[in-house]
Amino acid sequence: MGNPVPHPALRAEMARAGMDQKAVAELLGYHPSAITKRMRGDIEWRIGELQIIAARLGVPISVLVDETAAAS
């Protein structure tokens, strides 16, 4: 399996929780531009990053990851 690919549900779940990219950056201890690059797909998400976000959002990580794309 390749690196996790963020599913479009990531944005939807962030919006549902009232969480913007700046909040994700603060949660992970990153500069906001690092999150922008991940959201655009310029940098791959690490599984640990998505686990932290999923925990904060209160959803299973599987909601945030497109496993089909990660397998290709």
C-alpha atoms as a PDB file:
ATOM      1  CA  MET A   1       0.000   0.000   0.000  1.00  0.00           C
ATOM      2  CA  GLY A   2       1.252   3.481  -0.866  1.00  0.00           C
ATOM      3  CA  ASN A   3       1.014   6.610   1.197  1.00  0.00           C
ATOM      4  CA  PRO A   4      -2.460   7.647   2.304  1.00  0.00           C
ATOM      5  CA  VAL A   5      -4.334   9.814  -0.124  1.00  0.00           C
ATOM      6  CA  PRO A   6      -6.714  12.330   1.434  1.00  0.00           C
ATOM      7  CA  HIS A   7     -10.276  11.707   0.442  1.00  0.00           C
ATOM      8  CA  PRO A   8     -12.483  14.676  -0.476  1.00  0.00           C
ATOM      9  CA  ALA A   9     -14.284  13.912   2.782  1.00  0.00           C
ATOM     10  CA  LEU A  10     -11.331  15.478   4.618  1.00  0.00           C
ATOM     11  CA  ARG A  11     -12.482  18.943   3.595  1.00  0.00           C
ATOM     12  CA  ALA A  12     -16.112  18.087   4.339  1.00  0.00           C
ATOM     13  CA  GLU A  13     -15.293  16.756   7.805  1.00  0.00           C
ATOM     14  CA  MET A  14     -13.140  19.788   8.566  1.00  0.00           C
ATOM     15  CA  ALA A  15     -15.987  22.097   7.534  1.00  0.00           C
ATOM     16  CA  ARG A  16     -18.499  20.104   9.595  1.00  0.00           C
ATOM     17  CA  ALA A  17     -16.297  20.551  12.653  1.00  0.00           C
ATOM     18  CA  GLY A  18     -15.637  24.231  11.916  1.00  0.00           C
ATOM     19  CA  MET A  19     -11.955  23.469  11.444  1.00  0.00           C
ATOM     20  CA  ASP A  20      -9.975  25.404   8.851  1.00  0.00           C
ATOM     21  CA  GLN A  21      -6.491  24.774   7.492  1.00  0.00           C
ATOM     22  CA  LYS A  22      -4.961  27.128  10.058  1.00  0.00           C
ATOM     23  CA  ALA A  23      -6.479  25.036  12.858  1.00  0.00           C
ATOM     24  CA  VAL A  24      -5.070  21.863  11.283  1.00  0.00           C
ATOM     25  CA  ALA A  25      -1.655  23.521  11.084  1.00  0.00           C
ATOM     26  CA  GLU A  26      -1.839  24.455  14.761  1.00  0.00           C
ATOM     27  CA  LEU A  27      -3.009  20.954  15.693  1.00  0.00           C
ATOM     28  CA  LEU A  28      -0.038  19.389  13.908  1.00  0.00           C
ATOM     29  CA  GLY A  29       2.468  22.099  14.846  1.00  0.00           C
ATOM     30  CA  TYR A  30       3.079  23.032  11.210  1.00  0.00           C
ATOM     31  CA  HIS A  31       3.208  26.277   9.288  1.00  0.00           C
ATOM     32  CA  PRO A  32      -0.116  26.860   7.482  1.00  0.00           C
ATOM     33  CA  SER A  33       1.619  26.641   4.100  1.00  0.00           C
ATOM     34  CA  ALA A  34       2.516  23.011   4.867  1.00  0.00           C
ATOM     35  CA  ILE A  35      -1.182  22.193   5.196  1.00  0.00           C
ATOM     36  CA  THR A  36      -2.011  24.087   2.012  1.00  0.00           C
ATOM     37  CA  LYS A  37       0.559  21.984   0.145  1.00  0.00           C
ATOM     38  CA  ARG A  38      -0.915  18.787   1.561  1.00  0.00           C
ATOM     39  CA  MET A  39      -4.470  19.824   0.728  1.00  0.00           C
ATOM     40  CA  ARG A  40      -3.414  20.551  -2.867  1.00  0.00           C
ATOM     41  CA  GLY A  41      -1.611  17.225  -3.108  1.00  0.00           C
ATOM     42  CA  ASP A  42       1.856  18.769  -3.508  1.00  0.00           C
ATOM     43  CA  ILE A  43       3.023  16.913  -0.385  1.00  0.00           C
ATOM     44  CA  GLU A  44       1.689  13.526   0.686  1.00  0.00           C
ATOM     45  CA  TRP A  45      -0.009  13.221   4.046  1.00  0.00           C
ATOM     46  CA  ARG A  46       1.617  10.939   6.591  1.00  0.00           C
ATOM     47  CA  ILE A  47      -0.635   8.383   8.225  1.00  0.00           C
ATOM     48  CA  GLY A  48       0.189   9.827  11.646  1.00  0.00           C
ATOM     49  CA  GLU A  49      -0.977  13.281  10.570  1.00  0.00           C
ATOM     50  CA  LEU A  50      -4.280  11.917   9.356  1.00  0.00           C
ATOM     51  CA  GLN A  51      -4.689   9.892  12.560  1.00  0.00           C
ATOM     52  CA  ILE A  52      -4.321  13.061  14.633  1.00  0.00           C
ATOM     53  CA  ILE A  53      -6.809  14.938  12.452  1.00  0.00           C
ATOM     54  CA  ALA A  54      -9.289  12.045  12.510  1.00  0.00           C
ATOM     55  CA  ALA A  55      -9.080  11.883  16.308  1.00  0.00           C
ATOM     56  CA  ARG A  56      -9.698  15.633  16.595  1.00  0.00           C
ATOM     57  CA  LEU A  57     -12.645  15.382  14.191  1.00  0.00           C
ATOM     58  CA  GLY A  58     -14.030  12.328  15.976  1.00  0.00           C
ATOM     59  CA  VAL A  59     -14.145  10.166  12.850  1.00  0.00           C
ATOM     60  CA  PRO A  60     -12.411   6.933  11.855  1.00  0.00           C
ATOM     61  CA  ILE A  61      -9.319   7.527   9.755  1.00  0.00           C
ATOM     62  CA  SER A  62     -10.925   5.497   6.967  1.00  0.00           C
ATOM     63  CA  VAL A  63     -13.300   8.418   6.420  1.00  0.00           C
ATOM     64  CA  LEU A  64     -10.339  10.638   5.530  1.00  0.00           C
ATOM     65  CA  VAL A  65      -8.339   8.252   3.358  1.00  0.00           C
ATOM     66  CA  ASP A  66      -9.059   7.133  -0.177  1.00  0.00           C
ATOM     67  CA  GLU A  67      -7.672   3.612   0.111  1.00  0.00           C
ATOM     68  CA  THR A  68      -8.331   2.872  -3.561  1.00  0.00           C
ATOM     69  CA  ALA A  69      -6.047   5.704  -4.655  1.00  0.00           C
ATOM     70  CA  ALA A  70      -3.432   4.745  -2.075  1.00  0.00           C
ATOM     71  CA  ALA A  71      -3.260   1.204  -3.447  1.00  0.00           C
ATOM     72  CA  SER A  72      -2.458   2.359  -6.989  1.00  0.00           C
END
